[in-house]
Amino acid sequence: MATELPPLRRVITAINAAGKSYFSEDGPAHIKSNPARPGMRSSHIWATSAIPCPIQEPDQAPTGVNGIMPPKNGSVLHIIDYPPDPKDPVERERMKAYIKSRGSNPEPGVRRFPDSVHPGMHVTDTIDYAIVLAGEIWAIMDEGEKLLKTGDVLMQRGTLHAWSNRSDEFCRVAFVLLEAKP
């Protein structure tokens, strides 16, 4: 059985009234689990309002991010831990049924295609910087797949895609999403 990755720590800086930099927060990141994927954890680390935003703007994730998409005209940093893909066909079908139950448009700017080449196929109206922090994961497109390993970076530009962890270990990926026009 795969060992889960350690919890994420979020350290935030700020500028005080005297104009001095300091650490304003240091603690665990907020974690959401996914009922369709035991062991899958998603953390909204930070989000901004419209770019450019004020440097001292507080985190917009608690009020501006409910799913995948960043706030309108903004950005969001998600870090997702992907458990190994289920090997049991019954479990894979349960996962596909859960994705279908959420609908093809679970939020504005997101479209899902569970009957495509992979049940996790989706499109977001964003430019994404996907950085593999630990492990390995397959990036799946309509045409082709690429294995990404620790340190690899993928630029996702509003394309239909899915993620598949075919290893026996967890994979951690950081995603920076910037709202974009389709």
C-alpha atoms as a PDB file:
ATOM      1  CA  MET A   1       0.000   0.000   0.000  1.00  0.00           C
ATOM      2  CA  ALA A   2       1.259   3.483  -0.888  1.00  0.00           C
ATOM      3  CA  THR A   3       2.384   5.815   1.884  1.00  0.00           C
ATOM      4  CA  GLU A   4       0.566   9.159   1.941  1.00  0.00           C
ATOM      5  CA  LEU A   5       2.710  12.263   1.591  1.00  0.00           C
ATOM      6  CA  PRO A   6       3.186  14.502   4.658  1.00  0.00           C
ATOM      7  CA  PRO A   7       0.702  17.352   5.227  1.00  0.00           C
ATOM      8  CA  LEU A   8       1.427  20.661   3.517  1.00  0.00           C
ATOM      9  CA  ARG A   9       2.698  23.612   5.545  1.00  0.00           C
ATOM     10  CA  ARG A  10       1.689  27.125   4.439  1.00  0.00           C
ATOM     11  CA  VAL A  11       3.995  30.017   5.396  1.00  0.00           C
ATOM     12  CA  ILE A  12       2.819  33.540   4.534  1.00  0.00           C
ATOM     13  CA  THR A  13       4.709  36.828   4.667  1.00  0.00           C
ATOM     14  CA  ALA A  14       3.431  40.373   5.105  1.00  0.00           C
ATOM     15  CA  ILE A  15       4.579  43.933   5.753  1.00  0.00           C
ATOM     16  CA  ASN A  16       3.808  45.479   9.156  1.00  0.00           C
ATOM     17  CA  ALA A  17       2.827  49.093   9.961  1.00  0.00           C
ATOM     18  CA  ALA A  18       6.513  50.026  10.282  1.00  0.00           C
ATOM     19  CA  GLY A  19       7.181  48.760   6.735  1.00  0.00           C
ATOM     20  CA  LYS A  20       9.091  45.703   7.942  1.00  0.00           C
ATOM     21  CA  SER A  21       8.623  42.233   6.480  1.00  0.00           C
ATOM     22  CA  TYR A  22       7.554  39.418   8.780  1.00  0.00           C
ATOM     23  CA  PHE A  23       5.958  35.962   8.786  1.00  0.00           C
ATOM     24  CA  SER A  24       2.231  36.516   9.281  1.00  0.00           C
ATOM     25  CA  GLU A  25       1.115  32.869   9.210  1.00  0.00           C
ATOM     26  CA  ASP A  26       2.732  29.468   9.586  1.00  0.00           C
ATOM     27  CA  GLY A  27       0.578  26.376   9.769  1.00  0.00           C
ATOM     28  CA  PRO A  28      -1.066  23.520   7.949  1.00  0.00           C
ATOM     29  CA  ALA A  29      -2.725  24.152   4.606  1.00  0.00           C
ATOM     30  CA  HIS A  30      -6.480  23.726   4.344  1.00  0.00           C
ATOM     31  CA  ILE A  31      -7.157  20.246   2.947  1.00  0.00           C
ATOM     32  CA  LYS A  32     -10.177  18.894   1.066  1.00  0.00           C
ATOM     33  CA  SER A  33     -10.587  15.206   0.380  1.00  0.00           C
ATOM     34  CA  ASN A  34     -12.337  13.661  -2.605  1.00  0.00           C
ATOM     35  CA  PRO A  35     -14.979  11.004  -1.847  1.00  0.00           C
ATOM     36  CA  ALA A  36     -14.390   9.420  -5.264  1.00  0.00           C
ATOM     37  CA  ARG A  37     -10.663   8.910  -4.638  1.00  0.00           C
ATOM     38  CA  PRO A  38      -9.677   7.708  -1.167  1.00  0.00           C
ATOM     39  CA  GLY A  39      -6.354   9.337  -0.285  1.00  0.00           C
ATOM     40  CA  MET A  40      -6.719  12.166  -2.789  1.00  0.00           C
ATOM     41  CA  ARG A  41      -6.197  15.515  -1.072  1.00  0.00           C
ATOM     42  CA  SER A  42      -6.509  18.984  -2.540  1.00  0.00           C
ATOM     43  CA  SER A  43      -5.299  22.171  -0.874  1.00  0.00           C
ATOM     44  CA  HIS A  44      -6.158  25.675  -2.015  1.00  0.00           C
ATOM     45  CA  ILE A  45      -2.928  27.296  -0.848  1.00  0.00           C
ATOM     46  CA  TRP A  46      -3.555  30.879  -2.016  1.00  0.00           C
ATOM     47  CA  ALA A  47      -5.727  32.826  -4.437  1.00  0.00           C
ATOM     48  CA  THR A  48      -5.703  36.393  -5.712  1.00  0.00           C
ATOM     49  CA  SER A  49      -8.384  38.663  -7.078  1.00  0.00           C
ATOM     50  CA  ALA A  50      -7.905  40.327 -10.453  1.00  0.00           C
ATOM     51  CA  ILE A  51      -4.301  40.596 -11.605  1.00  0.00           C
ATOM     52  CA  PRO A  52      -2.517  42.794 -10.735  1.00  0.00           C
ATOM     53  CA  CYS A  53      -3.755  42.665  -7.162  1.00  0.00           C
ATOM     54  CA  PRO A  54      -2.646  44.696  -4.146  1.00  0.00           C
ATOM     55  CA  ILE A  55       0.484  43.136  -2.600  1.00  0.00           C
ATOM     56  CA  GLN A  56      -1.126  43.073   0.851  1.00  0.00           C
ATOM     57  CA  GLU A  57      -4.401  41.555  -0.387  1.00  0.00           C
ATOM     58  CA  PRO A  58      -5.463  38.704   1.903  1.00  0.00           C
ATOM     59  CA  ASP A  59      -5.882  35.166   0.611  1.00  0.00           C
ATOM     60  CA  GLN A  60      -8.965  34.979  -1.622  1.00  0.00           C
ATOM     61  CA  ALA A  61      -9.199  31.149  -1.516  1.00  0.00           C
ATOM     62  CA  PRO A  62     -11.554  30.939   1.507  1.00  0.00           C
ATOM     63  CA  THR A  63     -14.215  33.086  -0.175  1.00  0.00           C
ATOM     64  CA  GLY A  64     -13.309  33.081  -3.887  1.00  0.00           C
ATOM     65  CA  VAL A  65     -12.472  29.436  -4.645  1.00  0.00           C
ATOM     66  CA  ASN A  66     -15.047  26.682  -4.325  1.00  0.00           C
ATOM     67  CA  GLY A  67     -13.783  24.216  -6.906  1.00  0.00           C
ATOM     68  CA  ILE A  68     -11.023  24.344  -9.477  1.00  0.00           C
ATOM     69  CA  MET A  69     -11.345  27.826 -10.961  1.00  0.00           C
ATOM     70  CA  PRO A  70      -9.566  30.918  -9.624  1.00  0.00           C
ATOM     71  CA  PRO A  71     -11.537  34.034  -8.671  1.00  0.00           C
ATOM     72  CA  LYS A  72     -12.709  36.128 -11.649  1.00  0.00           C
ATOM     73  CA  ASN A  73      -9.595  37.448 -13.468  1.00  0.00           C
ATOM     74  CA  GLY A  74      -7.454  36.051 -10.642  1.00  0.00           C
ATOM     75  CA  SER A  75      -5.143  33.185  -9.819  1.00  0.00           C
ATOM     76  CA  VAL A  76      -5.094  30.203  -7.489  1.00  0.00           C
ATOM     77  CA  LEU A  77      -2.442  27.792  -6.235  1.00  0.00           C
ATOM     78  CA  HIS A  78      -3.755  24.252  -5.702  1.00  0.00           C
ATOM     79  CA  ILE A  79      -1.599  21.388  -4.501  1.00  0.00           C
ATOM     80  CA  ILE A  80      -3.079  17.959  -5.094  1.00  0.00           C
ATOM     81  CA  ASP A  81      -1.913  14.593  -3.785  1.00  0.00           C
ATOM     82  CA  TYR A  82      -2.896  11.835  -6.220  1.00  0.00           C
ATOM     83  CA  PRO A  83      -3.083   8.306  -4.829  1.00  0.00           C
ATOM     84  CA  PRO A  84      -2.269   5.422  -7.163  1.00  0.00           C
ATOM     85  CA  ASP A  85      -5.080   4.776  -9.651  1.00  0.00           C
ATOM     86  CA  PRO A  86      -7.455   2.045  -8.488  1.00  0.00           C
ATOM     87  CA  LYS A  87      -6.565  -1.308  -9.983  1.00  0.00           C
ATOM     88  CA  ASP A  88      -9.974  -2.824  -9.196  1.00  0.00           C
ATOM     89  CA  PRO A  89     -12.364  -2.381 -12.190  1.00  0.00           C
ATOM     90  CA  VAL A  90     -15.319  -2.018  -9.800  1.00  0.00           C
ATOM     91  CA  GLU A  91     -13.560   0.842  -7.996  1.00  0.00           C
ATOM     92  CA  ARG A  92     -12.735   2.530 -11.335  1.00  0.00           C
ATOM     93  CA  GLU A  93     -16.411   2.326 -12.351  1.00  0.00           C
ATOM     94  CA  ARG A  94     -17.473   3.780  -8.965  1.00  0.00           C
ATOM     95  CA  MET A  95     -15.056   6.676  -9.524  1.00  0.00           C
ATOM     96  CA  LYS A  96     -16.444   7.252 -13.044  1.00  0.00           C
ATOM     97  CA  ALA A  97     -20.046   7.169 -11.706  1.00  0.00           C
ATOM     98  CA  TYR A  98     -19.152   9.764  -9.048  1.00  0.00           C
ATOM     99  CA  ILE A  99     -17.605  12.074 -11.667  1.00  0.00           C
ATOM    100  CA  LYS A 100     -20.696  11.696 -13.882  1.00  0.00           C
ATOM    101  CA  SER A 101     -22.981  12.444 -10.905  1.00  0.00           C
ATOM    102  CA  ARG A 102     -21.358  15.882 -10.567  1.00  0.00           C
ATOM    103  CA  GLY A 103     -22.434  16.813 -14.106  1.00  0.00           C
ATOM    104  CA  SER A 104     -20.552  17.929 -17.165  1.00  0.00           C
ATOM    105  CA  ASN A 105     -20.326  21.565 -15.957  1.00  0.00           C
ATOM    106  CA  PRO A 106     -19.731  21.403 -12.169  1.00  0.00           C
ATOM    107  CA  GLU A 107     -18.752  25.104 -12.053  1.00  0.00           C
ATOM    108  CA  PRO A 108     -18.397  27.994 -14.537  1.00  0.00           C
ATOM    109  CA  GLY A 109     -15.228  27.566 -16.607  1.00  0.00           C
ATOM    110  CA  VAL A 110     -15.002  23.781 -16.085  1.00  0.00           C
ATOM    111  CA  ARG A 111     -16.278  21.096 -18.450  1.00  0.00           C
ATOM    112  CA  ARG A 112     -15.989  17.347 -17.768  1.00  0.00           C
ATOM    113  CA  PHE A 113     -15.961  14.468 -20.270  1.00  0.00           C
ATOM    114  CA  PRO A 114     -16.032  11.208 -18.246  1.00  0.00           C
ATOM    115  CA  ASP A 115     -16.878   9.078 -21.307  1.00  0.00           C
ATOM    116  CA  SER A 116     -13.715  10.211 -23.095  1.00  0.00           C
ATOM    117  CA  VAL A 117     -10.358   8.356 -23.107  1.00  0.00           C
ATOM    118  CA  HIS A 118     -10.139   8.719 -19.271  1.00  0.00           C
ATOM    119  CA  PRO A 119     -13.007   9.374 -16.804  1.00  0.00           C
ATOM    120  CA  GLY A 120     -11.155  12.390 -15.380  1.00  0.00           C
ATOM    121  CA  MET A 121     -10.980  14.227 -18.720  1.00  0.00           C
ATOM    122  CA  HIS A 122     -11.825  17.905 -18.286  1.00  0.00           C
ATOM    123  CA  VAL A 123     -11.158  21.401 -19.640  1.00  0.00           C
ATOM    124  CA  THR A 124     -10.719  24.593 -17.634  1.00  0.00           C
ATOM    125  CA  ASP A 125     -10.743  28.144 -18.962  1.00  0.00           C
ATOM    126  CA  THR A 126      -7.284  28.713 -17.503  1.00  0.00           C
ATOM    127  CA  ILE A 127      -3.583  28.723 -18.205  1.00  0.00           C
ATOM    128  CA  ASP A 128      -2.082  26.224 -15.738  1.00  0.00           C
ATOM    129  CA  TYR A 129       1.473  25.751 -14.567  1.00  0.00           C
ATOM    130  CA  ALA A 130       1.600  22.135 -13.308  1.00  0.00           C
ATOM    131  CA  ILE A 131       4.752  21.311 -11.320  1.00  0.00           C
ATOM    132  CA  VAL A 132       5.374  17.745 -10.133  1.00  0.00           C
ATOM    133  CA  LEU A 133       6.694  18.058  -6.577  1.00  0.00           C
ATOM    134  CA  ALA A 134       6.916  14.343  -5.707  1.00  0.00           C
ATOM    135  CA  GLY A 135       6.349  11.077  -7.545  1.00  0.00           C
ATOM    136  CA  GLU A 136       5.212  10.655 -11.114  1.00  0.00           C
ATOM    137  CA  ILE A 137       1.978  11.085 -13.030  1.00  0.00           C
ATOM    138  CA  TRP A 138       0.721  10.651 -16.579  1.00  0.00           C
ATOM    139  CA  ALA A 139      -0.713  13.702 -18.371  1.00  0.00           C
ATOM    140  CA  ILE A 140      -3.373  12.459 -20.805  1.00  0.00           C
ATOM    141  CA  MET A 141      -4.537  14.417 -23.868  1.00  0.00           C
ATOM    142  CA  ASP A 142      -7.009  13.542 -26.629  1.00  0.00           C
ATOM    143  CA  GLU A 143      -3.998  12.412 -28.616  1.00  0.00           C
ATOM    144  CA  GLY A 144      -1.116  11.112 -26.550  1.00  0.00           C
ATOM    145  CA  GLU A 145       0.192  10.766 -23.021  1.00  0.00           C
ATOM    146  CA  LYS A 146       3.370  11.961 -21.285  1.00  0.00           C
ATOM    147  CA  LEU A 147       4.918  10.666 -18.080  1.00  0.00           C
ATOM    148  CA  LEU A 148       5.876  13.551 -15.793  1.00  0.00           C
ATOM    149  CA  LYS A 149       8.303  12.997 -12.910  1.00  0.00           C
ATOM    150  CA  THR A 150       9.468  15.024  -9.923  1.00  0.00           C
ATOM    151  CA  GLY A 151      10.671  18.422 -11.143  1.00  0.00           C
ATOM    152  CA  ASP A 152       8.853  18.327 -14.477  1.00  0.00           C
ATOM    153  CA  VAL A 153       6.613  21.260 -15.431  1.00  0.00           C
ATOM    154  CA  LEU A 154       3.659  21.128 -17.820  1.00  0.00           C
ATOM    155  CA  MET A 155       1.994  24.210 -19.312  1.00  0.00           C
ATOM    156  CA  GLN A 156      -1.724  23.457 -19.670  1.00  0.00           C
ATOM    157  CA  ARG A 157      -3.451  25.891 -22.041  1.00  0.00           C
ATOM    158  CA  GLY A 158      -7.177  25.217 -21.904  1.00  0.00           C
ATOM    159  CA  THR A 159      -6.822  21.719 -23.359  1.00  0.00           C
ATOM    160  CA  LEU A 160      -8.883  18.613 -22.665  1.00  0.00           C
ATOM    161  CA  HIS A 161      -6.821  16.539 -20.238  1.00  0.00           C
ATOM    162  CA  ALA A 162      -6.730  14.116 -17.306  1.00  0.00           C
ATOM    163  CA  TRP A 163      -4.207  12.893 -14.740  1.00  0.00           C
ATOM    164  CA  SER A 164      -3.373   9.240 -14.080  1.00  0.00           C
ATOM    165  CA  ASN A 165      -1.093   7.992 -11.305  1.00  0.00           C
ATOM    166  CA  ARG A 166      -0.110   4.530 -12.540  1.00  0.00           C
ATOM    167  CA  SER A 167       2.651   4.076  -9.976  1.00  0.00           C
ATOM    168  CA  ASP A 168       2.383   2.425  -6.578  1.00  0.00           C
ATOM    169  CA  GLU A 169       3.178   5.666  -4.704  1.00  0.00           C
ATOM    170  CA  PHE A 170       1.441   8.999  -4.148  1.00  0.00           C
ATOM    171  CA  CYS A 171       2.180  11.906  -6.475  1.00  0.00           C
ATOM    172  CA  ARG A 172       2.045  15.580  -5.414  1.00  0.00           C
ATOM    173  CA  VAL A 173       1.444  18.242  -8.075  1.00  0.00           C
ATOM    174  CA  ALA A 174       1.309  22.032  -7.629  1.00  0.00           C
ATOM    175  CA  PHE A 175      -1.053  23.830 -10.011  1.00  0.00           C
ATOM    176  CA  VAL A 176      -1.046  27.592 -10.551  1.00  0.00           C
ATOM    177  CA  LEU A 177      -4.210  28.506 -12.464  1.00  0.00           C
ATOM    178  CA  LEU A 178      -4.703  31.866 -14.173  1.00  0.00           C
ATOM    179  CA  GLU A 179      -8.122  32.632 -15.588  1.00  0.00           C
ATOM    180  CA  ALA A 180      -7.986  32.764 -19.400  1.00  0.00           C
ATOM    181  CA  LYS A 181     -10.340  33.255 -22.339  1.00  0.00           C
ATOM    182  CA  PRO A 182     -11.288  30.140 -24.333  1.00  0.00           C
END
